[in-house]
Amino acid sequence: MAPETFLRVLGPKPYKVAYVQPSRRPADGRYGENPNRLFKHLQLQVILKPPPENVQELYLESLEAIGIDLRQHDIKFEEDNWEAPTLSAWGVGWQVMLDGLEITQFTYFQQCGGVDLFPISVELTYGLERIGAFLQDVDSIYDIVWSRDPETGQEVKYGDVRLAEELQFSVYNFEIADVVAAQEHFNEYWQECREILNRFNTMKKALDELKAPSDQRDRVLKRFPLLAAYDLCLKCSHLFNILDARGAISVTERVGVIGRVRALAVGIAKAWVEQQESEPDASESSIEPAPIRDKINKRHQETLSPATI
């Protein structure tokens, strides 16, 4: 999960963002031979915090806006709760099926980094390759027209841009990646990330003991590089995925490695919340009383029944 998602859903501040994000899954590589399965795919990430009441209707309107006629196609919302064990994050929601093809993950985040979220956020993850293949009516992702010269009409296709990457990274992830080196890199990144978190906690404790003026305390906390710590955590997660693709992690080792990465993610999430509390406008965010909060959470959970449009 990019920091724009993992970190921004934490805390009370409203936040809305949409961005294109590459998603790498080493074990999903197929040497460019599978027309619908990729090592790296692109997705449009949308975060709405807090979510609008009509978020499902807005999503359906977004499909119509890109040329999908909902009257002529079958749209189903199938229950598919989401979880990321390494980041101690989970949510409830649906996978959205378009004529039997999954095109979007629709999730109400409940927890991130082990922190219960309030307000909760909605994440919409649009699968761009699958949507593009559907709109262009091609059977293979590699046949999607990436661009077309306006003067000559010459086309550049998805395969021209990305096929070599799929082939070569599949070779690396499954055959060549040095297991010992990957394990060493994992340990190095893990250790550095943990040291950064330890420094943050030590610094915060010292500020509390010294009863530092609030403006000085806020200034010191605000500049602390927690984003760098999260970047190291993501590196650990990616190296774990490479080791998994190489078949270098046993079932028992897997639990331990996931636990190590999760501990980093939980530490970063808690530190990030504390850092954001030092922001001047954090106290200005409207926090609704607990009874209202409970009603909101209950309402979102009650709407998560499968629907067919």
C-alpha atoms as a PDB file:
ATOM      1  CA  MET A   1       0.000   0.000   0.000  1.00  0.00           C
ATOM      2  CA  ALA A   2       1.311   3.386  -0.968  1.00  0.00           C
ATOM      3  CA  PRO A   3       1.708   5.940   1.852  1.00  0.00           C
ATOM      4  CA  GLU A   4      -1.069   8.000   0.248  1.00  0.00           C
ATOM      5  CA  THR A   5      -3.385   5.160   1.246  1.00  0.00           C
ATOM      6  CA  PHE A   6      -1.870   3.491   4.303  1.00  0.00           C
ATOM      7  CA  LEU A   7      -0.977   6.662   6.198  1.00  0.00           C
ATOM      8  CA  ARG A   8      -3.660   9.052   5.011  1.00  0.00           C
ATOM      9  CA  VAL A   9      -6.554   6.896   6.185  1.00  0.00           C
ATOM     10  CA  LEU A  10      -5.214   7.221   9.737  1.00  0.00           C
ATOM     11  CA  GLY A  11      -6.434   9.968  12.045  1.00  0.00           C
ATOM     12  CA  PRO A  12      -9.478  12.238  11.910  1.00  0.00           C
ATOM     13  CA  LYS A  13      -8.544  14.591   9.061  1.00  0.00           C
ATOM     14  CA  PRO A  14     -10.774  14.384   5.958  1.00  0.00           C
ATOM     15  CA  TYR A  15      -8.864  13.317   2.867  1.00  0.00           C
ATOM     16  CA  LYS A  16      -9.726  12.654  -0.761  1.00  0.00           C
ATOM     17  CA  VAL A  17      -7.260  11.556  -3.407  1.00  0.00           C
ATOM     18  CA  ALA A  18      -7.025   9.654  -6.682  1.00  0.00           C
ATOM     19  CA  TYR A  19      -3.756   8.442  -8.154  1.00  0.00           C
ATOM     20  CA  VAL A  20      -2.388   5.761 -10.465  1.00  0.00           C
ATOM     21  CA  GLN A  21      -0.261   3.190  -8.664  1.00  0.00           C
ATOM     22  CA  PRO A  22       1.772   0.263 -10.004  1.00  0.00           C
ATOM     23  CA  SER A  23       1.190  -2.919  -7.992  1.00  0.00           C
ATOM     24  CA  ARG A  24       3.954  -5.533  -8.021  1.00  0.00           C
ATOM     25  CA  ARG A  25       3.235  -9.154  -7.136  1.00  0.00           C
ATOM     26  CA  PRO A  26       6.276 -11.296  -7.961  1.00  0.00           C
ATOM     27  CA  ALA A  27       4.437 -14.599  -7.577  1.00  0.00           C
ATOM     28  CA  ASP A  28       1.807 -13.522 -10.128  1.00  0.00           C
ATOM     29  CA  GLY A  29       4.287 -13.179 -12.995  1.00  0.00           C
ATOM     30  CA  ARG A  30       3.743 -15.512 -15.945  1.00  0.00           C
ATOM     31  CA  TYR A  31       6.652 -14.606 -18.272  1.00  0.00           C
ATOM     32  CA  GLY A  32       4.260 -12.513 -20.394  1.00  0.00           C
ATOM     33  CA  GLU A  33       2.506 -15.686 -21.574  1.00  0.00           C
ATOM     34  CA  ASN A  34      -0.795 -15.239 -19.729  1.00  0.00           C
ATOM     35  CA  PRO A  35      -2.972 -12.561 -21.393  1.00  0.00           C
ATOM     36  CA  ASN A  36      -4.685 -11.604 -18.131  1.00  0.00           C
ATOM     37  CA  ARG A  37      -2.156 -12.152 -15.320  1.00  0.00           C
ATOM     38  CA  LEU A  38       0.743  -9.812 -14.630  1.00  0.00           C
ATOM     39  CA  PHE A  39       3.730  -9.358 -12.339  1.00  0.00           C
ATOM     40  CA  LYS A  40       3.035  -5.624 -12.321  1.00  0.00           C
ATOM     41  CA  HIS A  41      -0.318  -4.070 -13.064  1.00  0.00           C
ATOM     42  CA  LEU A  42      -1.598  -0.512 -12.852  1.00  0.00           C
ATOM     43  CA  GLN A  43      -4.531   0.535 -10.720  1.00  0.00           C
ATOM     44  CA  LEU A  44      -6.369   3.771 -10.057  1.00  0.00           C
ATOM     45  CA  GLN A  45      -6.532   4.234  -6.295  1.00  0.00           C
ATOM     46  CA  VAL A  46      -9.314   6.412  -4.918  1.00  0.00           C
ATOM     47  CA  ILE A  47      -9.547   7.244  -1.205  1.00  0.00           C
ATOM     48  CA  LEU A  48     -12.641   9.002   0.160  1.00  0.00           C
ATOM     49  CA  LYS A  49     -12.412   9.896   3.842  1.00  0.00           C
ATOM     50  CA  PRO A  50     -15.058  10.074   5.109  1.00  0.00           C
ATOM     51  CA  PRO A  51     -17.076   8.360   2.350  1.00  0.00           C
ATOM     52  CA  PRO A  52     -20.124  10.157   0.911  1.00  0.00           C
ATOM     53  CA  GLU A  53     -23.510   8.562   1.508  1.00  0.00           C
ATOM     54  CA  ASN A  54     -23.956   7.836  -2.199  1.00  0.00           C
ATOM     55  CA  VAL A  55     -20.476   6.428  -2.834  1.00  0.00           C
ATOM     56  CA  GLN A  56     -21.841   3.330  -4.603  1.00  0.00           C
ATOM     57  CA  GLU A  57     -23.897   5.473  -6.978  1.00  0.00           C
ATOM     58  CA  LEU A  58     -20.879   7.698  -7.640  1.00  0.00           C
ATOM     59  CA  TYR A  59     -18.823   4.636  -8.481  1.00  0.00           C
ATOM     60  CA  LEU A  60     -21.405   3.410 -10.993  1.00  0.00           C
ATOM     61  CA  GLU A  61     -21.510   6.886 -12.548  1.00  0.00           C
ATOM     62  CA  SER A  62     -17.719   6.738 -12.924  1.00  0.00           C
ATOM     63  CA  LEU A  63     -18.085   3.579 -15.021  1.00  0.00           C
ATOM     64  CA  GLU A  64     -20.635   5.290 -17.240  1.00  0.00           C
ATOM     65  CA  ALA A  65     -18.298   8.285 -17.592  1.00  0.00           C
ATOM     66  CA  ILE A  66     -15.616   6.094 -19.207  1.00  0.00           C
ATOM     67  CA  GLY A  67     -18.049   4.532 -21.666  1.00  0.00           C
ATOM     68  CA  ILE A  68     -19.526   1.471 -19.959  1.00  0.00           C
ATOM     69  CA  ASP A  69     -23.269   1.298 -20.607  1.00  0.00           C
ATOM     70  CA  LEU A  70     -24.708  -0.211 -17.429  1.00  0.00           C
ATOM     71  CA  ARG A  71     -27.993  -1.012 -19.197  1.00  0.00           C
ATOM     72  CA  GLN A  72     -26.227  -3.409 -21.541  1.00  0.00           C
ATOM     73  CA  HIS A  73     -23.804  -5.069 -19.131  1.00  0.00           C
ATOM     74  CA  ASP A  74     -24.078  -7.114 -15.948  1.00  0.00           C
ATOM     75  CA  ILE A  75     -22.631  -5.379 -12.878  1.00  0.00           C
ATOM     76  CA  LYS A  76     -22.451  -7.356  -9.647  1.00  0.00           C
ATOM     77  CA  PHE A  77     -21.129  -6.470  -6.207  1.00  0.00           C
ATOM     78  CA  GLU A  78     -19.857  -9.707  -4.687  1.00  0.00           C
ATOM     79  CA  GLU A  79     -18.851  -9.756  -1.023  1.00  0.00           C
ATOM     80  CA  ASP A  80     -15.079  -9.894  -0.789  1.00  0.00           C
ATOM     81  CA  ASN A  81     -13.569  -8.625   2.434  1.00  0.00           C
ATOM     82  CA  TRP A  82      -9.963  -7.468   2.102  1.00  0.00           C
ATOM     83  CA  GLU A  83      -6.960  -8.058   4.354  1.00  0.00           C
ATOM     84  CA  ALA A  84      -3.234  -7.265   4.273  1.00  0.00           C
ATOM     85  CA  PRO A  85      -1.606  -9.339   7.050  1.00  0.00           C
ATOM     86  CA  THR A  86       1.844  -7.776   6.701  1.00  0.00           C
ATOM     87  CA  LEU A  87       0.359  -4.298   7.289  1.00  0.00           C
ATOM     88  CA  SER A  88      -2.221  -5.317   9.913  1.00  0.00           C
ATOM     89  CA  ALA A  89      -4.916  -3.770   7.712  1.00  0.00           C
ATOM     90  CA  TRP A  90      -8.363  -4.993   6.774  1.00  0.00           C
ATOM     91  CA  GLY A  91     -11.721  -3.843   5.499  1.00  0.00           C
ATOM     92  CA  VAL A  92     -15.142  -5.023   4.402  1.00  0.00           C
ATOM     93  CA  GLY A  93     -16.533  -4.651   0.930  1.00  0.00           C
ATOM     94  CA  TRP A  94     -17.021  -6.122  -2.503  1.00  0.00           C
ATOM     95  CA  GLN A  95     -15.265  -7.110  -5.664  1.00  0.00           C
ATOM     96  CA  VAL A  96     -17.087  -5.531  -8.574  1.00  0.00           C
ATOM     97  CA  MET A  97     -17.719  -7.859 -11.498  1.00  0.00           C
ATOM     98  CA  LEU A  98     -18.397  -6.589 -15.017  1.00  0.00           C
ATOM     99  CA  ASP A  99     -19.843  -9.381 -17.160  1.00  0.00           C
ATOM    100  CA  GLY A 100     -18.005 -11.838 -14.895  1.00  0.00           C
ATOM    101  CA  LEU A 101     -14.694  -9.932 -14.973  1.00  0.00           C
ATOM    102  CA  GLU A 102     -13.389  -8.384 -11.746  1.00  0.00           C
ATOM    103  CA  ILE A 103     -12.633  -4.728 -12.423  1.00  0.00           C
ATOM    104  CA  THR A 104     -12.667  -3.046  -9.002  1.00  0.00           C
ATOM    105  CA  GLN A 105     -12.085  -3.732  -5.322  1.00  0.00           C
ATOM    106  CA  PHE A 106     -14.526  -1.650  -3.239  1.00  0.00           C
ATOM    107  CA  THR A 107     -13.502  -1.556   0.435  1.00  0.00           C
ATOM    108  CA  TYR A 108     -14.570   0.196   3.613  1.00  0.00           C
ATOM    109  CA  PHE A 109     -11.298   0.293   5.575  1.00  0.00           C
ATOM    110  CA  GLN A 110     -11.800  -0.664   9.231  1.00  0.00           C
ATOM    111  CA  GLN A 111      -8.219  -0.900  10.470  1.00  0.00           C
ATOM    112  CA  CYS A 112      -4.786   0.064   9.205  1.00  0.00           C
ATOM    113  CA  GLY A 113      -1.501  -0.631  10.955  1.00  0.00           C
ATOM    114  CA  GLY A 114      -3.484  -2.138  13.799  1.00  0.00           C
ATOM    115  CA  VAL A 115      -5.221   1.209  14.393  1.00  0.00           C
ATOM    116  CA  ASP A 116      -9.029   1.310  14.387  1.00  0.00           C
ATOM    117  CA  LEU A 117     -10.112   3.955  11.890  1.00  0.00           C
ATOM    118  CA  PHE A 118     -12.428   6.847  12.570  1.00  0.00           C
ATOM    119  CA  PRO A 119     -13.717   8.076  10.335  1.00  0.00           C
ATOM    120  CA  ILE A 120     -13.529   5.024   8.117  1.00  0.00           C
ATOM    121  CA  SER A 121     -12.428   5.483   4.517  1.00  0.00           C
ATOM    122  CA  VAL A 122     -13.636   3.990   1.274  1.00  0.00           C
ATOM    123  CA  GLU A 123     -10.995   2.715  -1.114  1.00  0.00           C
ATOM    124  CA  LEU A 124     -11.861   2.105  -4.760  1.00  0.00           C
ATOM    125  CA  THR A 125      -9.210   0.196  -6.686  1.00  0.00           C
ATOM    126  CA  TYR A 126      -9.891   0.223 -10.439  1.00  0.00           C
ATOM    127  CA  GLY A 127      -8.023  -2.450 -12.440  1.00  0.00           C
ATOM    128  CA  LEU A 128      -6.894  -0.339 -15.384  1.00  0.00           C
ATOM    129  CA  GLU A 129      -5.637  -3.125 -17.649  1.00  0.00           C
ATOM    130  CA  ARG A 130      -8.839  -5.145 -17.346  1.00  0.00           C
ATOM    131  CA  ILE A 131     -11.021  -2.087 -17.858  1.00  0.00           C
ATOM    132  CA  GLY A 132      -8.915  -1.033 -20.852  1.00  0.00           C
ATOM    133  CA  ALA A 133      -9.136  -4.503 -22.419  1.00  0.00           C
ATOM    134  CA  PHE A 134     -12.911  -4.512 -21.890  1.00  0.00           C
ATOM    135  CA  LEU A 135     -13.412  -1.080 -23.446  1.00  0.00           C
ATOM    136  CA  GLN A 136     -11.246  -1.924 -26.457  1.00  0.00           C
ATOM    137  CA  ASP A 137     -12.769  -5.410 -26.765  1.00  0.00           C
ATOM    138  CA  VAL A 138      -9.464  -7.273 -26.901  1.00  0.00           C
ATOM    139  CA  ASP A 139      -8.773 -10.717 -25.479  1.00  0.00           C
ATOM    140  CA  SER A 140      -5.234  -9.991 -24.294  1.00  0.00           C
ATOM    141  CA  ILE A 141      -4.005  -7.162 -22.112  1.00  0.00           C
ATOM    142  CA  TYR A 142      -0.953  -6.943 -24.371  1.00  0.00           C
ATOM    143  CA  ASP A 143      -3.199  -5.944 -27.305  1.00  0.00           C
ATOM    144  CA  ILE A 144      -4.517  -2.809 -25.566  1.00  0.00           C
ATOM    145  CA  VAL A 145      -3.711   0.271 -27.633  1.00  0.00           C
ATOM    146  CA  TRP A 146      -1.477   2.369 -25.377  1.00  0.00           C
ATOM    147  CA  SER A 147      -1.246   5.327 -27.773  1.00  0.00           C
ATOM    148  CA  ARG A 148      -1.945   6.216 -31.386  1.00  0.00           C
ATOM    149  CA  ASP A 149      -0.034   8.727 -33.514  1.00  0.00           C
ATOM    150  CA  PRO A 150      -2.568  11.410 -34.517  1.00  0.00           C
ATOM    151  CA  GLU A 151      -0.873  11.956 -37.875  1.00  0.00           C
ATOM    152  CA  THR A 152       0.118   8.469 -39.047  1.00  0.00           C
ATOM    153  CA  GLY A 153      -2.340   6.412 -37.018  1.00  0.00           C
ATOM    154  CA  GLN A 154       0.524   4.136 -35.932  1.00  0.00           C
ATOM    155  CA  GLU A 155      -0.331   2.322 -32.713  1.00  0.00           C
ATOM    156  CA  VAL A 156       1.803   1.519 -29.697  1.00  0.00           C
ATOM    157  CA  LYS A 157       0.328  -1.376 -27.780  1.00  0.00           C
ATOM    158  CA  TYR A 158       0.554  -2.405 -24.154  1.00  0.00           C
ATOM    159  CA  GLY A 159       2.847  -5.284 -25.106  1.00  0.00           C
ATOM    160  CA  ASP A 160       5.269  -2.873 -26.801  1.00  0.00           C
ATOM    161  CA  VAL A 161       5.588  -0.985 -23.526  1.00  0.00           C
ATOM    162  CA  ARG A 162       5.483  -3.723 -20.902  1.00  0.00           C
ATOM    163  CA  LEU A 163       5.962  -7.247 -22.320  1.00  0.00           C
ATOM    164  CA  ALA A 164       9.749  -7.220 -21.899  1.00  0.00           C
ATOM    165  CA  GLU A 165       9.341  -6.135 -18.270  1.00  0.00           C
ATOM    166  CA  GLU A 166       6.923  -8.966 -17.564  1.00  0.00           C
ATOM    167  CA  LEU A 167       9.227 -11.537 -19.136  1.00  0.00           C
ATOM    168  CA  GLN A 168      12.462 -10.372 -17.535  1.00  0.00           C
ATOM    169  CA  PHE A 169      11.090  -9.816 -14.034  1.00  0.00           C
ATOM    170  CA  SER A 170       9.435 -13.234 -14.114  1.00  0.00           C
ATOM    171  CA  VAL A 171      12.834 -14.730 -14.895  1.00  0.00           C
ATOM    172  CA  TYR A 172      14.386 -12.756 -12.053  1.00  0.00           C
ATOM    173  CA  ASN A 173      11.670 -13.423  -9.466  1.00  0.00           C
ATOM    174  CA  PHE A 174      11.341 -17.156 -10.140  1.00  0.00           C
ATOM    175  CA  GLU A 175      14.845 -18.147 -11.279  1.00  0.00           C
ATOM    176  CA  ILE A 176      17.645 -15.679 -10.612  1.00  0.00           C
ATOM    177  CA  ALA A 177      16.906 -13.600  -7.496  1.00  0.00           C
ATOM    178  CA  ASP A 178      19.646 -14.371  -4.956  1.00  0.00           C
ATOM    179  CA  VAL A 179      17.884 -15.838  -1.924  1.00  0.00           C
ATOM    180  CA  VAL A 180      20.728 -15.188   0.499  1.00  0.00           C
ATOM    181  CA  ALA A 181      21.140 -11.598  -0.695  1.00  0.00           C
ATOM    182  CA  ALA A 182      17.372 -10.974  -0.501  1.00  0.00           C
ATOM    183  CA  GLN A 183      17.332 -12.270   3.074  1.00  0.00           C
ATOM    184  CA  GLU A 184      20.239 -10.021   3.981  1.00  0.00           C
ATOM    185  CA  HIS A 185      18.557  -6.995   2.392  1.00  0.00           C
ATOM    186  CA  PHE A 186      15.360  -7.816   4.262  1.00  0.00           C
ATOM    187  CA  ASN A 187      17.203  -7.924   7.592  1.00  0.00           C
ATOM    188  CA  GLU A 188      19.073  -4.695   6.843  1.00  0.00           C
ATOM    189  CA  TYR A 189      15.922  -2.765   5.890  1.00  0.00           C
ATOM    190  CA  TRP A 190      14.030  -4.236   8.847  1.00  0.00           C
ATOM    191  CA  GLN A 191      16.777  -3.241  11.276  1.00  0.00           C
ATOM    192  CA  GLU A 192      17.035   0.303   9.909  1.00  0.00           C
ATOM    193  CA  CYS A 193      13.274   0.770  10.042  1.00  0.00           C
ATOM    194  CA  ARG A 194      13.149  -0.465  13.633  1.00  0.00           C
ATOM    195  CA  GLU A 195      15.965   1.891  14.611  1.00  0.00           C
ATOM    196  CA  ILE A 196      14.073   4.850  13.128  1.00  0.00           C
ATOM    197  CA  LEU A 197      10.996   3.915  15.150  1.00  0.00           C
ATOM    198  CA  ASN A 198      13.088   3.529  18.296  1.00  0.00           C
ATOM    199  CA  ARG A 199      14.531   7.009  17.746  1.00  0.00           C
ATOM    200  CA  PHE A 200      11.051   8.445  17.343  1.00  0.00           C
ATOM    201  CA  ASN A 201       9.839   6.863  20.573  1.00  0.00           C
ATOM    202  CA  THR A 202      12.975   7.946  22.446  1.00  0.00           C
ATOM    203  CA  MET A 203      12.639  11.505  21.151  1.00  0.00           C
ATOM    204  CA  LYS A 204       8.953  11.671  22.057  1.00  0.00           C
ATOM    205  CA  LYS A 205       9.643  10.377  25.571  1.00  0.00           C
ATOM    206  CA  ALA A 206      12.382  12.987  26.049  1.00  0.00           C
ATOM    207  CA  LEU A 207      10.054  15.783  24.911  1.00  0.00           C
ATOM    208  CA  ASP A 208       7.419  14.599  27.358  1.00  0.00           C
ATOM    209  CA  GLU A 209       9.878  14.392  30.251  1.00  0.00           C
ATOM    210  CA  LEU A 210      11.283  17.836  29.490  1.00  0.00           C
ATOM    211  CA  LYS A 211       7.755  19.241  29.182  1.00  0.00           C
ATOM    212  CA  ALA A 212       8.868  21.047  26.042  1.00  0.00           C
ATOM    213  CA  PRO A 213       6.710  23.979  24.854  1.00  0.00           C
ATOM    214  CA  SER A 214       4.005  22.768  22.477  1.00  0.00           C
ATOM    215  CA  ASP A 215       5.317  24.753  19.504  1.00  0.00           C
ATOM    216  CA  GLN A 216       8.824  23.297  19.948  1.00  0.00           C
ATOM    217  CA  ARG A 217       7.425  19.794  20.439  1.00  0.00           C
ATOM    218  CA  ASP A 218       5.252  20.055  17.342  1.00  0.00           C
ATOM    219  CA  ARG A 219       8.124  21.378  15.243  1.00  0.00           C
ATOM    220  CA  VAL A 220      10.422  18.517  16.276  1.00  0.00           C
ATOM    221  CA  LEU A 221       7.785  15.823  15.706  1.00  0.00           C
ATOM    222  CA  LYS A 222       6.652  17.212  12.364  1.00  0.00           C
ATOM    223  CA  ARG A 223      10.088  16.930  10.746  1.00  0.00           C
ATOM    224  CA  PHE A 224      10.773  13.369  11.881  1.00  0.00           C
ATOM    225  CA  PRO A 225      11.132  11.076   8.801  1.00  0.00           C
ATOM    226  CA  LEU A 226       8.367   8.537   9.356  1.00  0.00           C
ATOM    227  CA  LEU A 227       7.786   8.419   5.596  1.00  0.00           C
ATOM    228  CA  ALA A 228      11.312   7.061   5.231  1.00  0.00           C
ATOM    229  CA  ALA A 229      10.505   4.400   7.828  1.00  0.00           C
ATOM    230  CA  TYR A 230       7.415   3.369   5.880  1.00  0.00           C
ATOM    231  CA  ASP A 231       9.444   3.203   2.668  1.00  0.00           C
ATOM    232  CA  LEU A 232      11.794   0.740   4.386  1.00  0.00           C
ATOM    233  CA  CYS A 233       8.786  -1.253   5.590  1.00  0.00           C
ATOM    234  CA  LEU A 234       7.531  -1.501   1.995  1.00  0.00           C
ATOM    235  CA  LYS A 235      10.973  -2.697   0.885  1.00  0.00           C
ATOM    236  CA  CYS A 236      10.754  -5.464   3.480  1.00  0.00           C
ATOM    237  CA  SER A 237       7.306  -6.424   2.215  1.00  0.00           C
ATOM    238  CA  HIS A 238       8.534  -6.572  -1.397  1.00  0.00           C
ATOM    239  CA  LEU A 239      11.574  -8.668  -0.472  1.00  0.00           C
ATOM    240  CA  PHE A 240       9.288 -11.047   1.402  1.00  0.00           C
ATOM    241  CA  ASN A 241       7.238 -11.415  -1.794  1.00  0.00           C
ATOM    242  CA  ILE A 242      10.375 -12.134  -3.847  1.00  0.00           C
ATOM    243  CA  LEU A 243      11.510 -14.774  -1.355  1.00  0.00           C
ATOM    244  CA  ASP A 244       8.034 -16.263  -1.468  1.00  0.00           C
ATOM    245  CA  ALA A 245       8.124 -16.400  -5.280  1.00  0.00           C
ATOM    246  CA  ARG A 246      11.500 -18.165  -5.077  1.00  0.00           C
ATOM    247  CA  GLY A 247      10.013 -20.755  -2.741  1.00  0.00           C
ATOM    248  CA  ALA A 248      12.557 -19.806  -0.081  1.00  0.00           C
ATOM    249  CA  ILE A 249      10.118 -19.379   2.826  1.00  0.00           C
ATOM    250  CA  SER A 250       8.605 -22.363   4.603  1.00  0.00           C
ATOM    251  CA  VAL A 251       5.129 -22.345   6.137  1.00  0.00           C
ATOM    252  CA  THR A 252       6.487 -21.812   9.655  1.00  0.00           C
ATOM    253  CA  GLU A 253       8.976 -19.156   8.525  1.00  0.00           C
ATOM    254  CA  ARG A 254       6.201 -17.344   6.684  1.00  0.00           C
ATOM    255  CA  VAL A 255       4.303 -16.643   9.898  1.00  0.00           C
ATOM    256  CA  GLY A 256       7.406 -15.238  11.563  1.00  0.00           C
ATOM    257  CA  VAL A 257       8.390 -13.004   8.624  1.00  0.00           C
ATOM    258  CA  ILE A 258       4.862 -11.618   8.282  1.00  0.00           C
ATOM    259  CA  GLY A 259       4.904 -10.884  12.010  1.00  0.00           C
ATOM    260  CA  ARG A 260       8.160  -8.936  11.698  1.00  0.00           C
ATOM    261  CA  VAL A 261       6.827  -6.743   8.898  1.00  0.00           C
ATOM    262  CA  ARG A 262       3.518  -6.286  10.697  1.00  0.00           C
ATOM    263  CA  ALA A 263       5.331  -5.064  13.826  1.00  0.00           C
ATOM    264  CA  LEU A 264       7.000  -2.347  11.741  1.00  0.00           C
ATOM    265  CA  ALA A 265       3.711  -1.312  10.127  1.00  0.00           C
ATOM    266  CA  VAL A 266       1.942  -1.111  13.485  1.00  0.00           C
ATOM    267  CA  GLY A 267       4.765   0.973  14.955  1.00  0.00           C
ATOM    268  CA  ILE A 268       4.740   3.358  12.001  1.00  0.00           C
ATOM    269  CA  ALA A 269       0.956   3.761  12.084  1.00  0.00           C
ATOM    270  CA  LYS A 270       0.936   4.631  15.783  1.00  0.00           C
ATOM    271  CA  ALA A 271       3.831   7.058  15.359  1.00  0.00           C
ATOM    272  CA  TRP A 272       2.145   8.683  12.343  1.00  0.00           C
ATOM    273  CA  VAL A 273      -1.045   9.291  14.327  1.00  0.00           C
ATOM    274  CA  GLU A 274       1.003  10.932  17.091  1.00  0.00           C
ATOM    275  CA  GLN A 275       2.887  13.022  14.541  1.00  0.00           C
ATOM    276  CA  GLN A 276      -0.334  14.229  12.915  1.00  0.00           C
ATOM    277  CA  GLU A 277      -1.719  15.245  16.293  1.00  0.00           C
ATOM    278  CA  SER A 278       1.084  17.798  16.393  1.00  0.00           C
ATOM    279  CA  GLU A 279      -0.273  19.511  13.264  1.00  0.00           C
ATOM    280  CA  PRO A 280      -1.877  22.893  14.052  1.00  0.00           C
ATOM    281  CA  ASP A 281      -5.191  22.111  12.359  1.00  0.00           C
ATOM    282  CA  ALA A 282      -5.632  18.630  13.800  1.00  0.00           C
ATOM    283  CA  SER A 283      -7.729  19.939  16.686  1.00  0.00           C
ATOM    284  CA  GLU A 284     -10.025  21.696  14.256  1.00  0.00           C
ATOM    285  CA  SER A 285     -11.236  18.443  12.709  1.00  0.00           C
ATOM    286  CA  SER A 286     -14.818  17.680  13.677  1.00  0.00           C
ATOM    287  CA  ILE A 287     -15.037  14.592  15.830  1.00  0.00           C
ATOM    288  CA  GLU A 288     -18.547  13.274  16.256  1.00  0.00           C
ATOM    289  CA  PRO A 289     -19.669  11.806  19.590  1.00  0.00           C
ATOM    290  CA  ALA A 290     -19.285   8.059  20.033  1.00  0.00           C
ATOM    291  CA  PRO A 291     -23.002   7.250  19.614  1.00  0.00           C
ATOM    292  CA  ILE A 292     -23.051   8.960  16.206  1.00  0.00           C
ATOM    293  CA  ARG A 293     -19.796   7.274  15.239  1.00  0.00           C
ATOM    294  CA  ASP A 294     -21.241   3.882  16.128  1.00  0.00           C
ATOM    295  CA  LYS A 295     -24.318   4.602  14.006  1.00  0.00           C
ATOM    296  CA  ILE A 296     -22.133   5.521  11.026  1.00  0.00           C
ATOM    297  CA  ASN A 297     -20.044   2.353  11.307  1.00  0.00           C
ATOM    298  CA  LYS A 298     -23.173   0.237  11.760  1.00  0.00           C
ATOM    299  CA  ARG A 299     -24.822   1.815   8.732  1.00  0.00           C
ATOM    300  CA  HIS A 300     -21.831   1.052   6.480  1.00  0.00           C
ATOM    301  CA  GLN A 301     -21.686  -2.543   7.679  1.00  0.00           C
ATOM    302  CA  GLU A 302     -25.400  -3.017   7.088  1.00  0.00           C
ATOM    303  CA  THR A 303     -25.128  -1.848   3.475  1.00  0.00           C
ATOM    304  CA  LEU A 304     -22.562  -4.512   2.575  1.00  0.00           C
ATOM    305  CA  SER A 305     -25.039  -6.997   1.163  1.00  0.00           C
ATOM    306  CA  PRO A 306     -24.347  -8.321  -2.348  1.00  0.00           C
ATOM    307  CA  ALA A 307     -26.121  -6.257  -4.964  1.00  0.00           C
ATOM    308  CA  THR A 308     -26.815  -6.713  -8.641  1.00  0.00           C
ATOM    309  CA  ILE A 309     -27.309  -3.684 -10.870  1.00  0.00           C
END
